[in-house]
C-alpha cells in the first residue's frame, strides 16, 4: 500500500503554514516486523467494533499485546515499523500529530521520524487516548515538548515505530503551524 498523504497545500502569497495529511496509518508503503528480546512483533490492521470512531478503513496495532514490551533506545532497528512516502512541500519544523488509542498507560506511546532517522524531538510520543473515551490526537513527548521533526522540502519517508506493544494508530498529521490542532 502506498501513501503520500491526502492534500498538500502551500500558499506562498499569504505565507500560510503547511499541513501534510492527515493520512491514514493503514495506508503504509512498507510494514516491517522485528524480533525484540525473543518476541516477534509487527503492526497489524484492525477495526474494533468495541472502540468505534476510527477514520478510514480501520487502524494499525502493534501486536502481540503480551508480554508487554517497551522500547526506548535503538528503536529504529529494534521496533516494528511503518513507512510512508511523503511529500514535504517546504523545509522546516513540522509538528507531529498521531490520532491513536491506547487501552491503558502501557499501550499509549509511539516513536516518529523520517528517512529512518528517529530524532529525540519525536520519540516517546505519549498520552494517546488511554484516559479518554475514544480516539485522540496526541503530540506531546514524555520529555515534555511537543513532537517535531525538521525536514527538507521534497519526497521523504515518514516513519512510525512501536514504543509499546498494543498501541493503536489511526491517522498522522504533520503541520508547520504551532497553533494548529487537528479536528
N, C-alpha and C. Protein backbone atom coordinates (compact mmCIF):
# COMPACT_ATOMS: atom_id res chain seq x y z
N UNK A 1 0.85 -1.17 0.00
CA UNK A 1 0.00 0.00 0.00
C UNK A 1 0.89 1.23 0.00
N UNK A 2 0.49 2.30 -0.62
CA UNK A 2 1.32 3.48 -0.83
C UNK A 2 0.54 4.73 -0.47
N UNK A 3 1.19 5.65 0.23
CA UNK A 3 0.51 6.89 0.60
C UNK A 3 1.47 8.06 0.55
N UNK A 4 1.02 9.14 -0.02
CA UNK A 4 1.79 10.38 0.03
C UNK A 4 1.02 11.43 0.80
N UNK A 5 0.01 11.04 1.49
CA UNK A 5 -0.84 11.98 2.19
C UNK A 5 -2.00 12.38 1.30
N UNK A 6 -2.93 13.08 1.83
CA UNK A 6 -4.09 13.47 1.03
C UNK A 6 -3.82 14.73 0.27
N UNK A 7 -3.98 15.88 0.91
CA UNK A 7 -3.78 17.14 0.22
C UNK A 7 -2.59 17.86 0.84
N UNK A 8 -1.77 18.41 0.02
CA UNK A 8 -0.64 19.18 0.48
C UNK A 8 -0.80 20.55 -0.13
N UNK A 9 -0.82 21.57 0.70
CA UNK A 9 -1.07 22.90 0.16
C UNK A 9 -0.04 23.92 0.61
N UNK A 10 0.33 24.79 -0.30
CA UNK A 10 1.23 25.88 0.01
C UNK A 10 0.61 27.14 -0.57
N UNK A 11 0.55 28.17 0.22
CA UNK A 11 0.04 29.44 -0.25
C UNK A 11 1.17 30.46 -0.07
N UNK A 12 2.03 30.58 -1.08
CA UNK A 12 3.22 31.42 -0.99
C UNK A 12 2.87 32.90 -0.87
N UNK A 13 1.72 33.28 -1.38
CA UNK A 13 1.35 34.70 -1.32
C UNK A 13 1.03 35.12 0.11
N UNK A 14 0.31 34.27 0.82
CA UNK A 14 -0.09 34.60 2.19
C UNK A 14 0.86 34.02 3.23
N UNK A 15 1.82 33.24 2.82
CA UNK A 15 2.78 32.61 3.72
C UNK A 15 2.10 31.78 4.80
N UNK A 16 1.07 31.03 4.41
CA UNK A 16 0.41 30.13 5.35
C UNK A 16 1.32 28.96 5.66
N UNK A 17 1.20 28.47 6.86
CA UNK A 17 1.95 27.29 7.24
C UNK A 17 1.40 26.07 6.50
N UNK A 18 2.22 25.06 6.35
CA UNK A 18 1.89 23.90 5.54
C UNK A 18 1.46 22.73 6.44
N UNK A 19 0.40 22.04 6.01
CA UNK A 19 0.00 20.77 6.63
C UNK A 19 0.25 19.65 5.65
N UNK A 20 0.69 18.51 6.14
CA UNK A 20 0.81 17.29 5.35
C UNK A 20 -0.14 16.28 6.00
N UNK A 21 -1.16 15.89 5.25
CA UNK A 21 -2.14 14.96 5.78
C UNK A 21 -3.38 15.68 6.25
N UNK A 22 -4.23 15.04 7.03
CA UNK A 22 -3.93 13.77 7.68
C UNK A 22 -3.93 12.61 6.69
N UNK A 23 -3.10 11.62 7.01
CA UNK A 23 -3.12 10.41 6.20
C UNK A 23 -3.41 9.22 7.10
N UNK A 24 -4.02 8.21 6.50
CA UNK A 24 -4.43 7.01 7.22
C UNK A 24 -3.21 6.14 7.50
N UNK A 25 -3.07 5.70 8.73
CA UNK A 25 -1.93 4.88 9.13
C UNK A 25 -1.95 3.54 8.40
N UNK A 26 -3.13 3.03 8.07
CA UNK A 26 -3.20 1.75 7.36
C UNK A 26 -2.76 1.84 5.91
N UNK A 27 -2.52 3.06 5.40
CA UNK A 27 -2.07 3.25 4.02
C UNK A 27 -0.55 3.33 3.92
N UNK A 28 0.14 2.50 4.66
CA UNK A 28 1.61 2.48 4.68
C UNK A 28 2.16 1.99 3.36
N UNK A 29 3.42 2.34 3.12
CA UNK A 29 4.13 1.80 1.95
C UNK A 29 4.84 0.50 2.32
N UNK A 30 5.42 0.49 3.52
CA UNK A 30 6.10 -0.72 3.99
C UNK A 30 5.75 -0.95 5.45
N UNK A 31 5.68 -2.23 5.80
CA UNK A 31 5.42 -2.65 7.18
C UNK A 31 6.50 -3.65 7.53
N UNK A 32 7.26 -3.36 8.58
CA UNK A 32 8.42 -4.18 8.92
C UNK A 32 8.25 -4.73 10.33
N UNK A 33 8.18 -6.04 10.43
CA UNK A 33 8.14 -6.71 11.73
C UNK A 33 9.55 -6.96 12.23
N UNK A 34 9.70 -7.02 13.53
CA UNK A 34 11.03 -7.24 14.11
C UNK A 34 10.91 -8.08 15.38
N UNK A 35 12.01 -8.75 15.71
CA UNK A 35 12.08 -9.54 16.93
C UNK A 35 12.86 -8.74 17.97
N UNK A 36 12.27 -8.59 19.14
CA UNK A 36 12.89 -7.86 20.25
C UNK A 36 12.79 -8.73 21.49
N UNK A 37 13.93 -8.99 22.11
CA UNK A 37 14.00 -9.84 23.30
C UNK A 37 13.24 -11.16 23.10
N UNK A 38 13.43 -11.76 21.92
CA UNK A 38 12.84 -13.05 21.62
C UNK A 38 11.38 -13.04 21.19
N UNK A 39 10.75 -11.87 21.10
CA UNK A 39 9.34 -11.78 20.71
C UNK A 39 9.21 -11.10 19.36
N UNK A 40 8.62 -11.80 18.39
CA UNK A 40 8.37 -11.19 17.08
C UNK A 40 7.13 -10.32 17.19
N UNK A 41 7.25 -9.05 16.74
CA UNK A 41 6.15 -8.10 16.79
C UNK A 41 6.02 -7.43 15.43
N UNK A 42 4.79 -7.04 15.10
CA UNK A 42 4.54 -6.33 13.85
C UNK A 42 3.28 -5.49 14.01
N UNK A 43 3.10 -4.54 13.11
CA UNK A 43 1.87 -3.75 13.04
C UNK A 43 0.85 -4.56 12.27
N UNK A 44 -0.37 -4.66 12.79
CA UNK A 44 -1.44 -5.42 12.15
C UNK A 44 -2.66 -4.53 11.95
N UNK A 45 -3.35 -4.72 10.81
CA UNK A 45 -4.57 -3.97 10.53
C UNK A 45 -5.70 -4.49 11.43
N UNK A 46 -6.49 -3.55 11.98
CA UNK A 46 -7.62 -3.90 12.84
C UNK A 46 -8.76 -2.90 12.62
N UNK A 47 -9.98 -3.36 12.85
CA UNK A 47 -11.09 -2.44 13.07
C UNK A 47 -11.87 -2.98 14.26
N UNK A 48 -11.99 -2.16 15.27
CA UNK A 48 -12.53 -2.59 16.55
C UNK A 48 -14.00 -2.23 16.64
N UNK A 49 -14.85 -3.23 16.72
CA UNK A 49 -16.28 -2.92 16.89
C UNK A 49 -16.53 -2.39 18.30
N UNK A 50 -15.68 -2.73 19.25
CA UNK A 50 -15.85 -2.26 20.62
C UNK A 50 -15.33 -0.85 20.85
N UNK A 51 -14.53 -0.33 19.94
CA UNK A 51 -13.98 1.02 20.08
C UNK A 51 -14.10 1.71 18.73
N UNK A 52 -15.35 2.00 18.33
CA UNK A 52 -15.56 2.64 17.03
C UNK A 52 -15.05 4.08 17.03
N UNK A 53 -15.03 4.66 15.86
CA UNK A 53 -14.66 6.07 15.76
C UNK A 53 -13.38 6.29 14.98
N UNK A 54 -12.70 5.20 14.56
CA UNK A 54 -11.53 5.40 13.72
C UNK A 54 -11.98 5.99 12.40
N UNK A 55 -11.06 6.55 11.68
CA UNK A 55 -11.35 7.09 10.36
C UNK A 55 -10.71 6.20 9.32
N UNK A 56 -11.21 6.24 8.10
CA UNK A 56 -10.67 5.38 7.06
C UNK A 56 -11.24 3.98 7.20
N UNK A 57 -10.45 2.98 6.81
CA UNK A 57 -10.94 1.61 6.83
C UNK A 57 -10.65 0.89 8.13
N UNK A 58 -9.88 1.47 9.01
CA UNK A 58 -9.53 0.85 10.28
C UNK A 58 -8.32 1.54 10.87
N UNK A 59 -7.49 0.80 11.55
CA UNK A 59 -6.30 1.34 12.18
C UNK A 59 -5.25 0.23 12.27
N UNK A 60 -4.07 0.59 12.72
CA UNK A 60 -2.99 -0.38 12.87
C UNK A 60 -2.66 -0.52 14.35
N UNK A 61 -2.33 -1.76 14.76
CA UNK A 61 -1.96 -2.02 16.14
C UNK A 61 -0.67 -2.82 16.18
N UNK A 62 0.21 -2.46 17.10
CA UNK A 62 1.46 -3.19 17.32
C UNK A 62 1.14 -4.42 18.15
N UNK A 63 1.36 -5.61 17.56
CA UNK A 63 0.99 -6.86 18.22
C UNK A 63 2.16 -7.84 18.23
N UNK A 64 2.15 -8.83 19.14
CA UNK A 64 1.11 -9.11 20.12
C UNK A 64 1.17 -8.14 21.29
N UNK A 65 0.07 -8.07 22.04
CA UNK A 65 -0.01 -7.15 23.18
C UNK A 65 0.79 -7.65 24.37
N UNK A 66 0.92 -8.97 24.50
CA UNK A 66 1.59 -9.55 25.66
C UNK A 66 2.66 -10.51 25.20
N UNK A 67 3.76 -10.64 25.93
CA UNK A 67 4.09 -9.87 27.12
C UNK A 67 4.43 -8.43 26.75
N UNK A 68 4.24 -7.54 27.70
CA UNK A 68 4.46 -6.11 27.48
C UNK A 68 5.93 -5.82 27.17
N UNK A 69 6.15 -5.04 26.11
CA UNK A 69 7.49 -4.59 25.73
C UNK A 69 7.47 -3.07 25.62
N UNK A 70 8.59 -2.48 25.96
CA UNK A 70 8.73 -1.03 25.97
C UNK A 70 10.12 -0.73 25.40
N UNK A 71 10.17 -0.16 24.19
CA UNK A 71 11.46 0.05 23.52
C UNK A 71 11.75 1.54 23.47
N UNK A 72 12.73 1.98 24.25
CA UNK A 72 13.09 3.40 24.32
C UNK A 72 14.35 3.75 23.55
N UNK A 73 15.25 2.80 23.38
CA UNK A 73 16.51 3.08 22.68
C UNK A 73 16.70 2.04 21.58
N UNK A 74 17.39 2.44 20.54
CA UNK A 74 17.65 1.53 19.43
C UNK A 74 16.41 1.15 18.65
N UNK A 75 15.34 1.90 18.81
CA UNK A 75 14.06 1.53 18.21
C UNK A 75 14.06 1.58 16.68
N UNK A 76 14.95 2.35 16.06
CA UNK A 76 14.94 2.42 14.59
C UNK A 76 15.31 1.09 13.95
N UNK A 77 15.97 0.22 14.70
CA UNK A 77 16.31 -1.10 14.18
C UNK A 77 15.70 -2.23 15.00
N UNK A 78 15.11 -1.93 16.17
CA UNK A 78 14.56 -2.97 17.04
C UNK A 78 13.04 -3.04 17.02
N UNK A 79 12.36 -1.94 16.72
CA UNK A 79 10.90 -1.88 16.82
C UNK A 79 10.20 -2.16 15.49
N UNK A 80 8.99 -2.73 15.56
CA UNK A 80 8.18 -2.82 14.34
C UNK A 80 7.99 -1.41 13.77
N UNK A 81 7.95 -1.33 12.45
CA UNK A 81 8.00 -0.02 11.78
C UNK A 81 6.98 0.05 10.66
N UNK A 82 6.42 1.25 10.48
CA UNK A 82 5.58 1.58 9.33
C UNK A 82 6.26 2.71 8.58
N UNK A 83 6.29 2.61 7.25
CA UNK A 83 6.93 3.63 6.41
C UNK A 83 5.91 4.21 5.42
N UNK A 84 6.00 5.53 5.25
CA UNK A 84 5.09 6.27 4.36
C UNK A 84 5.90 7.18 3.46
N UNK A 85 5.69 7.11 2.15
CA UNK A 85 6.32 8.06 1.22
C UNK A 85 5.52 9.35 1.33
N UNK A 86 6.18 10.43 1.66
CA UNK A 86 5.51 11.68 1.98
C UNK A 86 6.21 12.85 1.31
N UNK A 87 5.45 13.74 0.71
CA UNK A 87 6.00 14.94 0.10
C UNK A 87 5.90 16.08 1.10
N UNK A 88 7.03 16.66 1.42
CA UNK A 88 7.09 17.85 2.28
C UNK A 88 7.30 19.04 1.36
N UNK A 89 6.29 19.88 1.21
CA UNK A 89 6.37 20.97 0.23
C UNK A 89 7.30 22.11 0.64
N UNK A 90 7.65 22.18 1.91
CA UNK A 90 8.53 23.24 2.38
C UNK A 90 9.47 22.69 3.44
N UNK A 91 10.69 23.20 3.48
CA UNK A 91 11.63 22.82 4.52
C UNK A 91 11.21 23.46 5.83
N UNK A 92 11.55 22.81 6.93
CA UNK A 92 11.30 23.40 8.23
C UNK A 92 10.85 22.40 9.26
N UNK A 93 10.42 22.94 10.39
CA UNK A 93 9.94 22.15 11.50
C UNK A 93 8.48 21.78 11.29
N UNK A 94 8.17 20.50 11.46
CA UNK A 94 6.80 20.00 11.38
C UNK A 94 6.42 19.42 12.73
N UNK A 95 5.27 19.83 13.24
CA UNK A 95 4.72 19.26 14.46
C UNK A 95 4.05 17.95 14.08
N UNK A 96 4.34 16.89 14.84
CA UNK A 96 3.84 15.55 14.56
C UNK A 96 2.61 15.30 15.43
N UNK A 97 1.48 15.01 14.80
CA UNK A 97 0.25 14.63 15.49
C UNK A 97 -0.09 13.19 15.10
N UNK A 98 -0.45 12.37 16.09
CA UNK A 98 -0.88 10.99 15.84
C UNK A 98 -2.26 10.82 16.47
N UNK A 99 -3.21 10.35 15.66
CA UNK A 99 -4.55 10.04 16.19
C UNK A 99 -4.52 8.58 16.59
N UNK A 100 -4.71 8.32 17.89
CA UNK A 100 -4.45 6.99 18.41
C UNK A 100 -5.37 6.64 19.56
N UNK A 101 -5.22 5.41 20.01
CA UNK A 101 -5.94 4.95 21.20
C UNK A 101 -5.10 3.89 21.89
N UNK A 102 -4.86 4.11 23.17
CA UNK A 102 -4.18 3.11 24.00
C UNK A 102 -5.17 2.62 25.03
N UNK A 103 -5.24 1.31 25.18
CA UNK A 103 -6.21 0.75 26.13
C UNK A 103 -5.84 1.08 27.57
N UNK A 104 -4.55 1.28 27.83
CA UNK A 104 -4.09 1.62 29.17
C UNK A 104 -2.77 2.38 29.05
N UNK A 105 -2.19 2.76 30.16
CA UNK A 105 -0.96 3.52 30.17
C UNK A 105 0.27 2.76 29.69
N UNK A 106 0.13 1.47 29.42
CA UNK A 106 1.23 0.66 28.90
C UNK A 106 1.11 0.43 27.40
N UNK A 107 0.14 1.10 26.75
CA UNK A 107 -0.09 0.92 25.31
C UNK A 107 -0.34 2.26 24.62
N UNK A 108 0.22 3.33 25.14
CA UNK A 108 -0.20 4.65 24.63
C UNK A 108 0.94 5.51 24.11
N UNK A 109 2.01 4.88 23.59
CA UNK A 109 3.12 5.70 23.10
C UNK A 109 3.76 5.08 21.86
N UNK A 110 4.39 5.96 21.07
CA UNK A 110 4.96 5.60 19.78
C UNK A 110 6.13 6.53 19.49
N UNK A 111 7.01 6.14 18.57
CA UNK A 111 8.11 6.97 18.11
C UNK A 111 7.84 7.38 16.66
N UNK A 112 8.31 8.56 16.26
CA UNK A 112 8.17 9.02 14.87
C UNK A 112 9.51 9.55 14.38
N UNK A 113 9.64 9.61 13.06
CA UNK A 113 10.86 10.14 12.45
C UNK A 113 10.71 10.17 10.95
N UNK A 114 11.83 10.31 10.27
CA UNK A 114 11.81 10.37 8.81
C UNK A 114 13.11 9.79 8.27
N UNK A 115 13.02 9.20 7.09
CA UNK A 115 14.17 8.62 6.39
C UNK A 115 14.98 7.68 7.28
N UNK A 116 14.30 6.95 8.17
CA UNK A 116 14.97 6.01 9.07
C UNK A 116 15.64 6.64 10.26
N UNK A 117 15.54 7.95 10.39
CA UNK A 117 16.15 8.69 11.50
C UNK A 117 15.09 8.94 12.56
N UNK A 118 15.39 8.60 13.79
CA UNK A 118 14.48 8.82 14.90
C UNK A 118 14.99 9.93 15.80
N UNK A 119 14.64 11.18 15.50
CA UNK A 119 15.15 12.29 16.31
C UNK A 119 14.55 12.28 17.71
N UNK A 120 15.33 12.72 18.68
CA UNK A 120 14.84 12.76 20.07
C UNK A 120 13.66 13.72 20.21
N UNK A 121 13.48 14.62 19.26
CA UNK A 121 12.36 15.56 19.32
C UNK A 121 11.02 14.91 18.97
N UNK A 122 11.05 13.66 18.46
CA UNK A 122 9.80 12.98 18.09
C UNK A 122 9.75 11.56 18.65
N UNK A 123 10.56 11.27 19.66
CA UNK A 123 10.47 9.95 20.27
C UNK A 123 9.52 10.01 21.47
N UNK A 124 9.04 8.88 21.88
CA UNK A 124 8.21 8.74 23.08
C UNK A 124 6.99 9.67 23.07
N UNK A 125 6.30 9.73 21.92
CA UNK A 125 5.04 10.48 21.84
C UNK A 125 4.03 9.69 22.66
N UNK A 126 3.40 10.36 23.64
CA UNK A 126 2.60 9.61 24.60
C UNK A 126 1.28 10.30 24.94
N UNK A 127 0.53 9.64 25.84
CA UNK A 127 -0.76 10.17 26.27
C UNK A 127 -1.84 10.02 25.20
N UNK A 128 -1.68 9.01 24.37
CA UNK A 128 -2.56 8.85 23.21
C UNK A 128 -3.83 8.09 23.54
N UNK A 129 -4.70 8.72 24.27
CA UNK A 129 -6.06 8.25 24.38
C UNK A 129 -6.44 7.26 25.46
N UNK A 130 -5.50 6.74 26.23
CA UNK A 130 -5.91 5.69 27.17
C UNK A 130 -6.83 6.20 28.26
N UNK A 131 -6.76 7.49 28.56
CA UNK A 131 -7.64 8.04 29.59
C UNK A 131 -8.81 8.81 28.98
N UNK A 132 -9.08 8.60 27.70
CA UNK A 132 -10.20 9.27 27.05
C UNK A 132 -11.20 8.22 26.56
N UNK A 133 -12.42 8.66 26.25
CA UNK A 133 -13.43 7.68 25.83
C UNK A 133 -13.23 7.14 24.41
N UNK A 134 -12.30 7.68 23.66
CA UNK A 134 -12.11 7.20 22.29
C UNK A 134 -10.80 7.65 21.70
N UNK A 135 -10.74 7.64 20.39
CA UNK A 135 -9.55 8.02 19.64
C UNK A 135 -9.20 9.46 19.93
N UNK A 136 -7.92 9.75 20.02
CA UNK A 136 -7.47 11.08 20.45
C UNK A 136 -6.22 11.48 19.67
N UNK A 137 -6.15 12.76 19.27
CA UNK A 137 -4.94 13.31 18.67
C UNK A 137 -3.95 13.59 19.79
N UNK A 138 -2.71 13.16 19.64
CA UNK A 138 -1.70 13.44 20.65
C UNK A 138 -0.41 13.89 19.96
N UNK A 139 0.36 14.73 20.64
CA UNK A 139 1.64 15.16 20.08
C UNK A 139 2.65 15.57 21.14
N UNK A 140 2.42 15.22 22.40
CA UNK A 140 3.41 15.55 23.41
C UNK A 140 4.34 14.36 23.63
N UNK A 141 5.57 14.66 23.97
CA UNK A 141 6.54 13.60 24.24
C UNK A 141 6.66 13.42 25.75
N UNK A 142 7.19 12.30 26.16
CA UNK A 142 7.39 12.05 27.59
C UNK A 142 8.39 13.02 28.20
N UNK A 143 9.22 13.62 27.35
CA UNK A 143 10.20 14.60 27.83
C UNK A 143 9.57 15.97 28.03
N UNK A 144 8.31 16.16 27.59
CA UNK A 144 7.61 17.42 27.79
C UNK A 144 7.27 18.19 26.52
N UNK A 145 8.25 18.46 25.65
CA UNK A 145 7.94 19.25 24.45
C UNK A 145 7.03 18.50 23.48
N UNK A 146 6.42 19.26 22.60
CA UNK A 146 5.62 18.66 21.54
C UNK A 146 6.53 17.98 20.53
N UNK A 147 6.03 16.92 19.93
CA UNK A 147 6.81 16.14 18.97
C UNK A 147 7.02 16.94 17.68
N UNK A 148 8.27 17.03 17.23
CA UNK A 148 8.60 17.74 16.00
C UNK A 148 9.67 16.98 15.23
N UNK A 149 9.67 17.22 13.91
CA UNK A 149 10.76 16.78 13.06
C UNK A 149 11.17 17.97 12.19
N UNK A 150 12.43 18.06 11.83
CA UNK A 150 12.90 19.08 10.91
C UNK A 150 13.26 18.38 9.62
N UNK A 151 12.57 18.74 8.53
CA UNK A 151 12.71 18.04 7.26
C UNK A 151 12.95 19.04 6.14
N UNK A 152 13.80 18.68 5.20
CA UNK A 152 13.98 19.48 4.00
C UNK A 152 12.83 19.24 3.04
N UNK A 153 12.57 20.19 2.17
CA UNK A 153 11.49 20.05 1.18
C UNK A 153 11.77 18.86 0.26
N UNK A 154 10.70 18.21 -0.19
CA UNK A 154 10.82 17.12 -1.14
C UNK A 154 10.22 15.83 -0.65
N UNK A 155 10.53 14.76 -1.34
CA UNK A 155 10.00 13.44 -1.04
C UNK A 155 10.86 12.77 0.03
N UNK A 156 10.22 12.33 1.08
CA UNK A 156 10.90 11.65 2.19
C UNK A 156 10.07 10.45 2.62
N UNK A 157 10.63 9.64 3.48
CA UNK A 157 9.91 8.56 4.13
C UNK A 157 9.61 8.99 5.55
N UNK A 158 8.33 9.01 5.92
CA UNK A 158 7.93 9.26 7.30
C UNK A 158 7.83 7.91 7.98
N UNK A 159 8.36 7.80 9.21
CA UNK A 159 8.40 6.54 9.94
C UNK A 159 7.61 6.61 11.24
N UNK A 160 6.91 5.52 11.55
CA UNK A 160 6.34 5.28 12.88
C UNK A 160 6.95 3.99 13.40
N UNK A 161 7.45 4.03 14.63
CA UNK A 161 7.99 2.85 15.28
C UNK A 161 7.22 2.60 16.56
N UNK A 162 6.98 1.35 16.85
CA UNK A 162 6.33 0.98 18.10
C UNK A 162 7.23 1.36 19.27
N UNK A 163 6.65 1.95 20.30
CA UNK A 163 7.34 2.09 21.57
C UNK A 163 6.81 1.05 22.54
N UNK A 164 5.47 0.95 22.59
CA UNK A 164 4.83 -0.05 23.45
C UNK A 164 3.90 -0.92 22.59
N UNK A 165 4.02 -2.23 22.76
CA UNK A 165 3.11 -3.08 22.01
C UNK A 165 1.69 -2.91 22.55
N UNK A 166 0.73 -3.09 21.65
CA UNK A 166 -0.67 -2.83 21.96
C UNK A 166 -1.12 -1.47 21.46
N UNK A 167 -0.18 -0.58 21.14
CA UNK A 167 -0.50 0.77 20.67
C UNK A 167 -1.30 0.69 19.37
N UNK A 168 -2.35 1.53 19.26
CA UNK A 168 -3.20 1.59 18.07
C UNK A 168 -3.09 2.97 17.44
N UNK A 169 -2.81 3.03 16.16
CA UNK A 169 -2.68 4.32 15.45
C UNK A 169 -3.69 4.35 14.31
N UNK A 170 -4.34 5.51 14.13
CA UNK A 170 -5.37 5.69 13.11
C UNK A 170 -4.94 6.65 12.01
N UNK A 171 -4.43 7.83 12.38
CA UNK A 171 -4.03 8.84 11.41
C UNK A 171 -2.79 9.58 11.90
N UNK A 172 -2.11 10.22 10.93
CA UNK A 172 -0.98 11.09 11.22
C UNK A 172 -1.21 12.41 10.51
N UNK A 173 -0.86 13.50 11.17
CA UNK A 173 -0.89 14.81 10.56
C UNK A 173 0.42 15.52 10.91
N UNK A 174 1.04 16.14 9.92
CA UNK A 174 2.28 16.89 10.12
C UNK A 174 1.97 18.33 9.74
N UNK A 175 2.30 19.27 10.60
CA UNK A 175 1.99 20.67 10.32
C UNK A 175 3.13 21.58 10.74
N UNK A 176 3.31 22.66 9.98
CA UNK A 176 4.29 23.68 10.37
C UNK A 176 3.66 24.73 11.27
N UNK A 177 2.36 24.68 11.46
CA UNK A 177 1.65 25.66 12.27
C UNK A 177 1.64 25.23 13.74
N UNK A 178 2.37 25.93 14.60
CA UNK A 178 2.45 25.50 16.01
C UNK A 178 1.11 25.65 16.75
N UNK A 179 0.19 26.45 16.22
CA UNK A 179 -1.09 26.64 16.91
C UNK A 179 -2.20 25.75 16.35
N UNK A 180 -1.90 24.95 15.33
CA UNK A 180 -2.93 24.09 14.71
C UNK A 180 -3.18 22.86 15.58
N UNK A 181 -4.46 22.55 15.76
CA UNK A 181 -4.88 21.33 16.43
C UNK A 181 -5.83 20.61 15.50
N UNK A 182 -5.58 19.34 15.16
CA UNK A 182 -6.47 18.61 14.24
C UNK A 182 -7.87 18.48 14.83
N UNK A 183 -8.89 18.49 13.95
CA UNK A 183 -10.28 18.34 14.44
C UNK A 183 -10.59 16.92 14.90
